Amino acid sequence: MINNRRWIIVFDLETDGVDPHSCNPVELAAVPVDPRTLEIKEDQAFRVTIKPDGIDDEEYFTKARQDTIAWHAKTRGVESEDIIKDWKNGQTEKVAWKNFMSYCAKYEVDKRPGQWYTEPIPSGYNIIGFDMPILKRLSEKYKTKMPLSTVTKIDMMDILFTWFENLDEPNGMKLDTFRDFFGLEASGQAHEALSDTIDEAKLMVKFLKFQRKQSSVSKFKGAFSE
């Protein structure tokens, strides 16, 4: 019996690079979703700006990082100097990680028959390919367990691909593309971690509600024996 009772934590990372195995996280946001009602608990959201390692040193500002900073500035309608100032005023990575670990721990559940995993289920957009490897790297760096499940994951990029892979629209797999396709107005500034997290949560809830309705009336049991 699955009958999920584990909280879903939708989360998003903004970073100073595009390689999840080497970039620094600069912003982390998360929002819990009730597994029974699928209510997005926006009043319980988590958000932190993180000071990337080495940003006080001139060597930090490689061409690739300067390009990433410029991209962040452009998407938010500010100057690169504003992005740098914001990052420098962030929490240290170690403190931010400790706070995120404590936040996720609040949504762990007790073990029960048929449910041996207690960690919240992670969800988001491209988390399997990008965000989860960063969490794994941080857990290894600070010698902690993973704050979210590594077994069960809800990656909306994969789910949306399975629904639209044989159709002409939408034209692409970016989150912004699906925002436009569904008529989902950004909850705030696009590519700001909390705004993206809430929008990703809305997409997830929309599809989970649809899938729950379909699975309750579709005949799966014994489908291959007919």
Protein backbone atom coordinates (compact mmCIF):
# COMPACT_ATOMS: atom_id res chain seq x y z
CA MET A 1 0.00 0.00 0.00
CA ILE A 2 1.44 3.38 -0.98
CA ASN A 3 -1.23 5.82 0.27
CA ASN A 4 1.35 8.54 0.73
CA ARG A 5 1.50 10.38 4.05
CA ARG A 6 4.92 11.94 3.56
CA TRP A 7 5.18 15.69 3.16
CA ILE A 8 6.34 17.00 -0.20
CA ILE A 9 8.97 19.74 -0.12
CA VAL A 10 9.15 21.72 -3.36
CA PHE A 11 12.49 23.49 -3.54
CA ASP A 12 14.69 25.50 -5.87
CA LEU A 13 18.32 26.54 -5.91
CA GLU A 14 19.84 29.53 -7.64
CA THR A 15 23.58 29.24 -8.24
CA ASP A 16 26.65 31.08 -9.50
CA GLY A 17 27.25 28.56 -12.28
CA VAL A 18 25.68 25.89 -14.47
CA ASP A 19 27.60 22.81 -13.33
CA PRO A 20 25.86 21.19 -10.31
CA HIS A 21 29.11 19.46 -9.37
CA SER A 22 31.10 22.66 -8.90
CA CYS A 23 28.82 25.72 -8.66
CA ASN A 24 28.02 27.52 -5.42
CA PRO A 25 24.42 27.84 -4.23
CA VAL A 26 23.49 31.50 -3.76
CA GLU A 27 19.80 31.18 -2.97
CA LEU A 28 17.63 28.37 -1.63
CA ALA A 29 13.87 28.33 -1.21
CA ALA A 30 11.37 25.65 -0.28
CA VAL A 31 7.67 25.27 0.40
CA PRO A 32 5.85 22.29 1.94
CA VAL A 33 2.82 20.64 0.36
CA ASP A 34 0.37 18.64 2.45
CA PRO A 35 0.39 15.08 1.04
CA ARG A 36 -3.31 14.48 1.71
CA THR A 37 -4.92 17.74 0.64
CA LEU A 38 -2.16 18.95 -1.72
CA GLU A 39 -2.40 22.36 -0.10
CA ILE A 40 0.64 24.55 -0.70
CA LYS A 41 1.68 25.96 2.68
CA GLU A 42 3.10 29.27 1.49
CA ASP A 43 3.07 30.64 5.04
CA GLN A 44 5.60 27.94 5.97
CA ALA A 45 8.01 28.71 3.13
CA PHE A 46 11.79 28.78 3.58
CA ARG A 47 14.14 31.18 1.81
CA VAL A 48 17.76 32.12 2.31
CA THR A 49 20.42 34.00 0.37
CA ILE A 50 23.78 32.26 0.61
CA LYS A 51 27.19 33.91 0.48
CA PRO A 52 29.22 31.84 -2.00
CA ASP A 53 32.66 30.67 -0.96
CA GLY A 54 35.44 32.93 -2.20
CA ILE A 55 33.31 35.89 -3.25
CA ASP A 56 35.49 38.27 -1.23
CA ASP A 57 38.49 37.30 -3.37
CA GLU A 58 39.23 38.77 -6.79
CA GLU A 59 39.94 35.26 -8.13
CA TYR A 60 36.30 34.36 -7.61
CA PHE A 61 35.17 36.51 -10.53
CA THR A 62 36.03 34.29 -13.46
CA LYS A 63 34.57 35.05 -16.87
CA ALA A 64 31.99 32.30 -16.40
CA ARG A 65 30.89 33.65 -13.02
CA GLN A 66 30.74 37.21 -14.32
CA ASP A 67 28.47 35.99 -17.12
CA THR A 68 26.24 34.20 -14.60
CA ILE A 69 26.06 37.27 -12.40
CA ALA A 70 25.14 39.38 -15.43
CA TRP A 71 22.38 36.89 -16.29
CA HIS A 72 20.95 37.08 -12.76
CA ALA A 73 21.08 40.87 -12.94
CA LYS A 74 19.31 40.96 -16.30
CA THR A 75 16.50 38.63 -15.22
CA ARG A 76 15.87 40.75 -12.12
CA GLY A 77 16.24 44.12 -13.78
CA VAL A 78 19.18 45.26 -11.64
CA GLU A 79 22.92 45.80 -12.02
CA SER A 80 25.57 43.14 -11.49
CA GLU A 81 26.84 45.10 -8.51
CA ASP A 82 23.44 44.69 -6.84
CA ILE A 83 23.60 40.91 -7.25
CA ILE A 84 27.12 40.77 -5.82
CA LYS A 85 26.12 42.92 -2.84
CA ASP A 86 23.09 40.72 -2.18
CA TRP A 87 25.19 37.55 -2.25
CA LYS A 88 27.89 39.03 -0.01
CA ASN A 89 25.22 39.86 2.60
CA GLY A 90 23.90 36.30 2.61
CA GLN A 91 24.31 33.64 5.25
CA THR A 92 27.39 31.50 5.13
CA GLU A 93 26.84 28.24 3.30
CA LYS A 94 27.37 26.24 6.50
CA VAL A 95 24.73 28.19 8.44
CA ALA A 96 22.28 28.10 5.53
CA TRP A 97 22.70 24.34 5.23
CA LYS A 98 22.15 23.84 8.96
CA ASN A 99 18.97 25.92 8.80
CA PHE A 100 17.69 24.00 5.79
CA MET A 101 18.37 20.69 7.51
CA SER A 102 16.37 21.85 10.53
CA TYR A 103 13.56 23.09 8.30
CA CYS A 104 13.22 19.79 6.45
CA ALA A 105 13.40 17.79 9.69
CA LYS A 106 10.13 19.39 10.81
CA TYR A 107 8.36 17.55 7.98
CA GLU A 108 9.72 14.08 8.61
CA VAL A 109 7.16 11.41 9.49
CA ASP A 110 7.26 8.33 11.69
CA LYS A 111 7.83 4.94 10.15
CA ARG A 112 4.77 2.74 9.75
CA PRO A 113 4.06 -0.59 8.03
CA GLY A 114 4.56 -0.19 4.30
CA GLN A 115 6.29 3.18 4.70
CA TRP A 116 9.91 2.82 5.73
CA TYR A 117 11.15 6.19 4.53
CA THR A 118 10.65 9.19 6.77
CA GLU A 119 12.23 12.09 4.87
CA PRO A 120 10.03 14.51 2.93
CA ILE A 121 9.65 13.86 -0.79
CA PRO A 122 11.59 16.41 -2.87
CA SER A 123 9.93 18.11 -5.81
CA GLY A 124 10.82 20.90 -8.19
CA TYR A 125 11.92 21.46 -11.76
CA ASN A 126 14.98 19.55 -13.04
CA ILE A 127 15.88 18.62 -9.48
CA ILE A 128 17.18 15.18 -10.47
CA GLY A 129 19.70 16.61 -12.91
CA PHE A 130 20.64 19.80 -11.06
CA ASP A 131 19.36 20.56 -7.55
CA MET A 132 19.61 17.11 -5.93
CA PRO A 133 23.30 16.66 -6.89
CA ILE A 134 24.01 19.98 -5.17
CA LEU A 135 22.21 18.85 -2.02
CA LYS A 136 24.21 15.62 -2.10
CA ARG A 137 27.45 17.58 -2.43
CA LEU A 138 26.52 19.79 0.54
CA SER A 139 25.52 16.82 2.69
CA GLU A 140 28.89 15.21 2.01
CA LYS A 141 30.75 18.48 2.63
CA TYR A 142 29.11 19.04 6.02
CA LYS A 143 28.85 15.34 6.90
CA THR A 144 25.08 15.21 7.30
CA LYS A 145 22.40 12.95 5.96
CA MET A 146 20.35 14.12 2.98
CA PRO A 147 17.49 16.32 4.22
CA LEU A 148 15.11 15.01 1.54
CA SER A 149 14.38 11.55 0.21
CA THR A 150 16.81 10.15 -2.34
CA VAL A 151 14.47 7.30 -3.22
CA THR A 152 11.18 8.98 -4.13
CA LYS A 153 11.32 12.23 -6.11
CA ILE A 154 8.80 14.30 -8.09
CA ASP A 155 10.65 16.10 -10.86
CA MET A 156 8.16 18.21 -12.80
CA MET A 157 10.43 18.43 -15.84
CA ASP A 158 10.28 14.64 -16.23
CA ILE A 159 6.54 14.50 -15.57
CA LEU A 160 5.80 17.23 -18.11
CA PHE A 161 8.01 15.54 -20.68
CA THR A 162 6.00 12.31 -20.42
CA TRP A 163 2.79 14.24 -21.04
CA PHE A 164 3.98 16.36 -23.96
CA GLU A 165 6.76 14.34 -25.63
CA ASN A 166 4.55 13.45 -28.62
CA LEU A 167 2.99 16.89 -29.13
CA ASP A 168 4.05 19.95 -31.13
CA GLU A 169 3.53 22.31 -28.18
CA PRO A 170 4.97 23.65 -26.03
CA ASN A 171 8.15 24.44 -27.92
CA GLY A 172 10.79 23.59 -25.33
CA MET A 173 11.23 22.31 -21.80
CA LYS A 174 12.17 25.46 -19.86
CA LEU A 175 10.10 26.39 -16.82
CA ASP A 176 9.37 29.78 -18.40
CA THR A 177 8.04 27.99 -21.50
CA PHE A 178 5.56 26.01 -19.43
CA ARG A 179 4.58 29.11 -17.47
CA ASP A 180 3.56 30.75 -20.74
CA PHE A 181 1.95 27.58 -22.09
CA PHE A 182 -0.28 27.07 -19.06
CA GLY A 183 -0.99 30.77 -18.55
CA LEU A 184 0.70 30.63 -15.15
CA GLU A 185 1.65 34.14 -14.09
CA ALA A 186 4.91 34.19 -12.15
CA SER A 187 4.32 34.42 -8.40
CA GLY A 188 7.06 37.03 -8.22
CA GLN A 189 10.32 37.66 -10.01
CA ALA A 190 11.12 34.78 -12.36
CA HIS A 191 14.39 32.98 -11.50
CA GLU A 192 14.10 34.16 -7.91
CA ALA A 193 14.17 30.98 -5.85
CA LEU A 194 10.97 31.42 -3.84
CA SER A 195 8.95 32.60 -6.84
CA ASP A 196 10.11 29.62 -8.90
CA THR A 197 9.42 27.27 -6.00
CA ILE A 198 5.82 28.41 -5.60
CA ASP A 199 5.19 28.17 -9.35
CA GLU A 200 6.71 24.70 -9.45
CA ALA A 201 4.47 23.72 -6.53
CA LYS A 202 1.41 24.97 -8.41
CA LEU A 203 2.36 22.90 -11.46
CA MET A 204 2.95 19.83 -9.32
CA VAL A 205 -0.35 20.15 -7.49
CA LYS A 206 -2.23 20.64 -10.76
CA PHE A 207 -0.81 17.44 -12.22
CA LEU A 208 -1.00 15.38 -9.04
CA LYS A 209 -4.69 16.23 -8.66
CA PHE A 210 -5.30 15.24 -12.28
CA GLN A 211 -3.30 12.03 -11.93
CA ARG A 212 -5.06 11.10 -8.68
CA LYS A 213 -8.41 11.52 -10.38
CA GLN A 214 -7.32 9.44 -13.36
CA SER A 215 -5.73 6.68 -11.28
CA SER A 216 -8.88 6.32 -9.19
CA VAL A 217 -11.01 5.48 -12.25
CA SER A 218 -8.48 3.76 -14.51
CA LYS A 219 -8.03 0.01 -14.40
CA PHE A 220 -4.36 -0.79 -13.81
CA LYS A 221 -4.52 -3.98 -11.78
CA GLY A 222 -4.10 -6.99 -14.03
CA ALA A 223 -3.76 -4.80 -17.11
CA PHE A 224 -1.08 -7.05 -18.63
CA SER A 225 -2.97 -10.26 -17.99
CA GLU A 226 -5.92 -9.38 -20.19
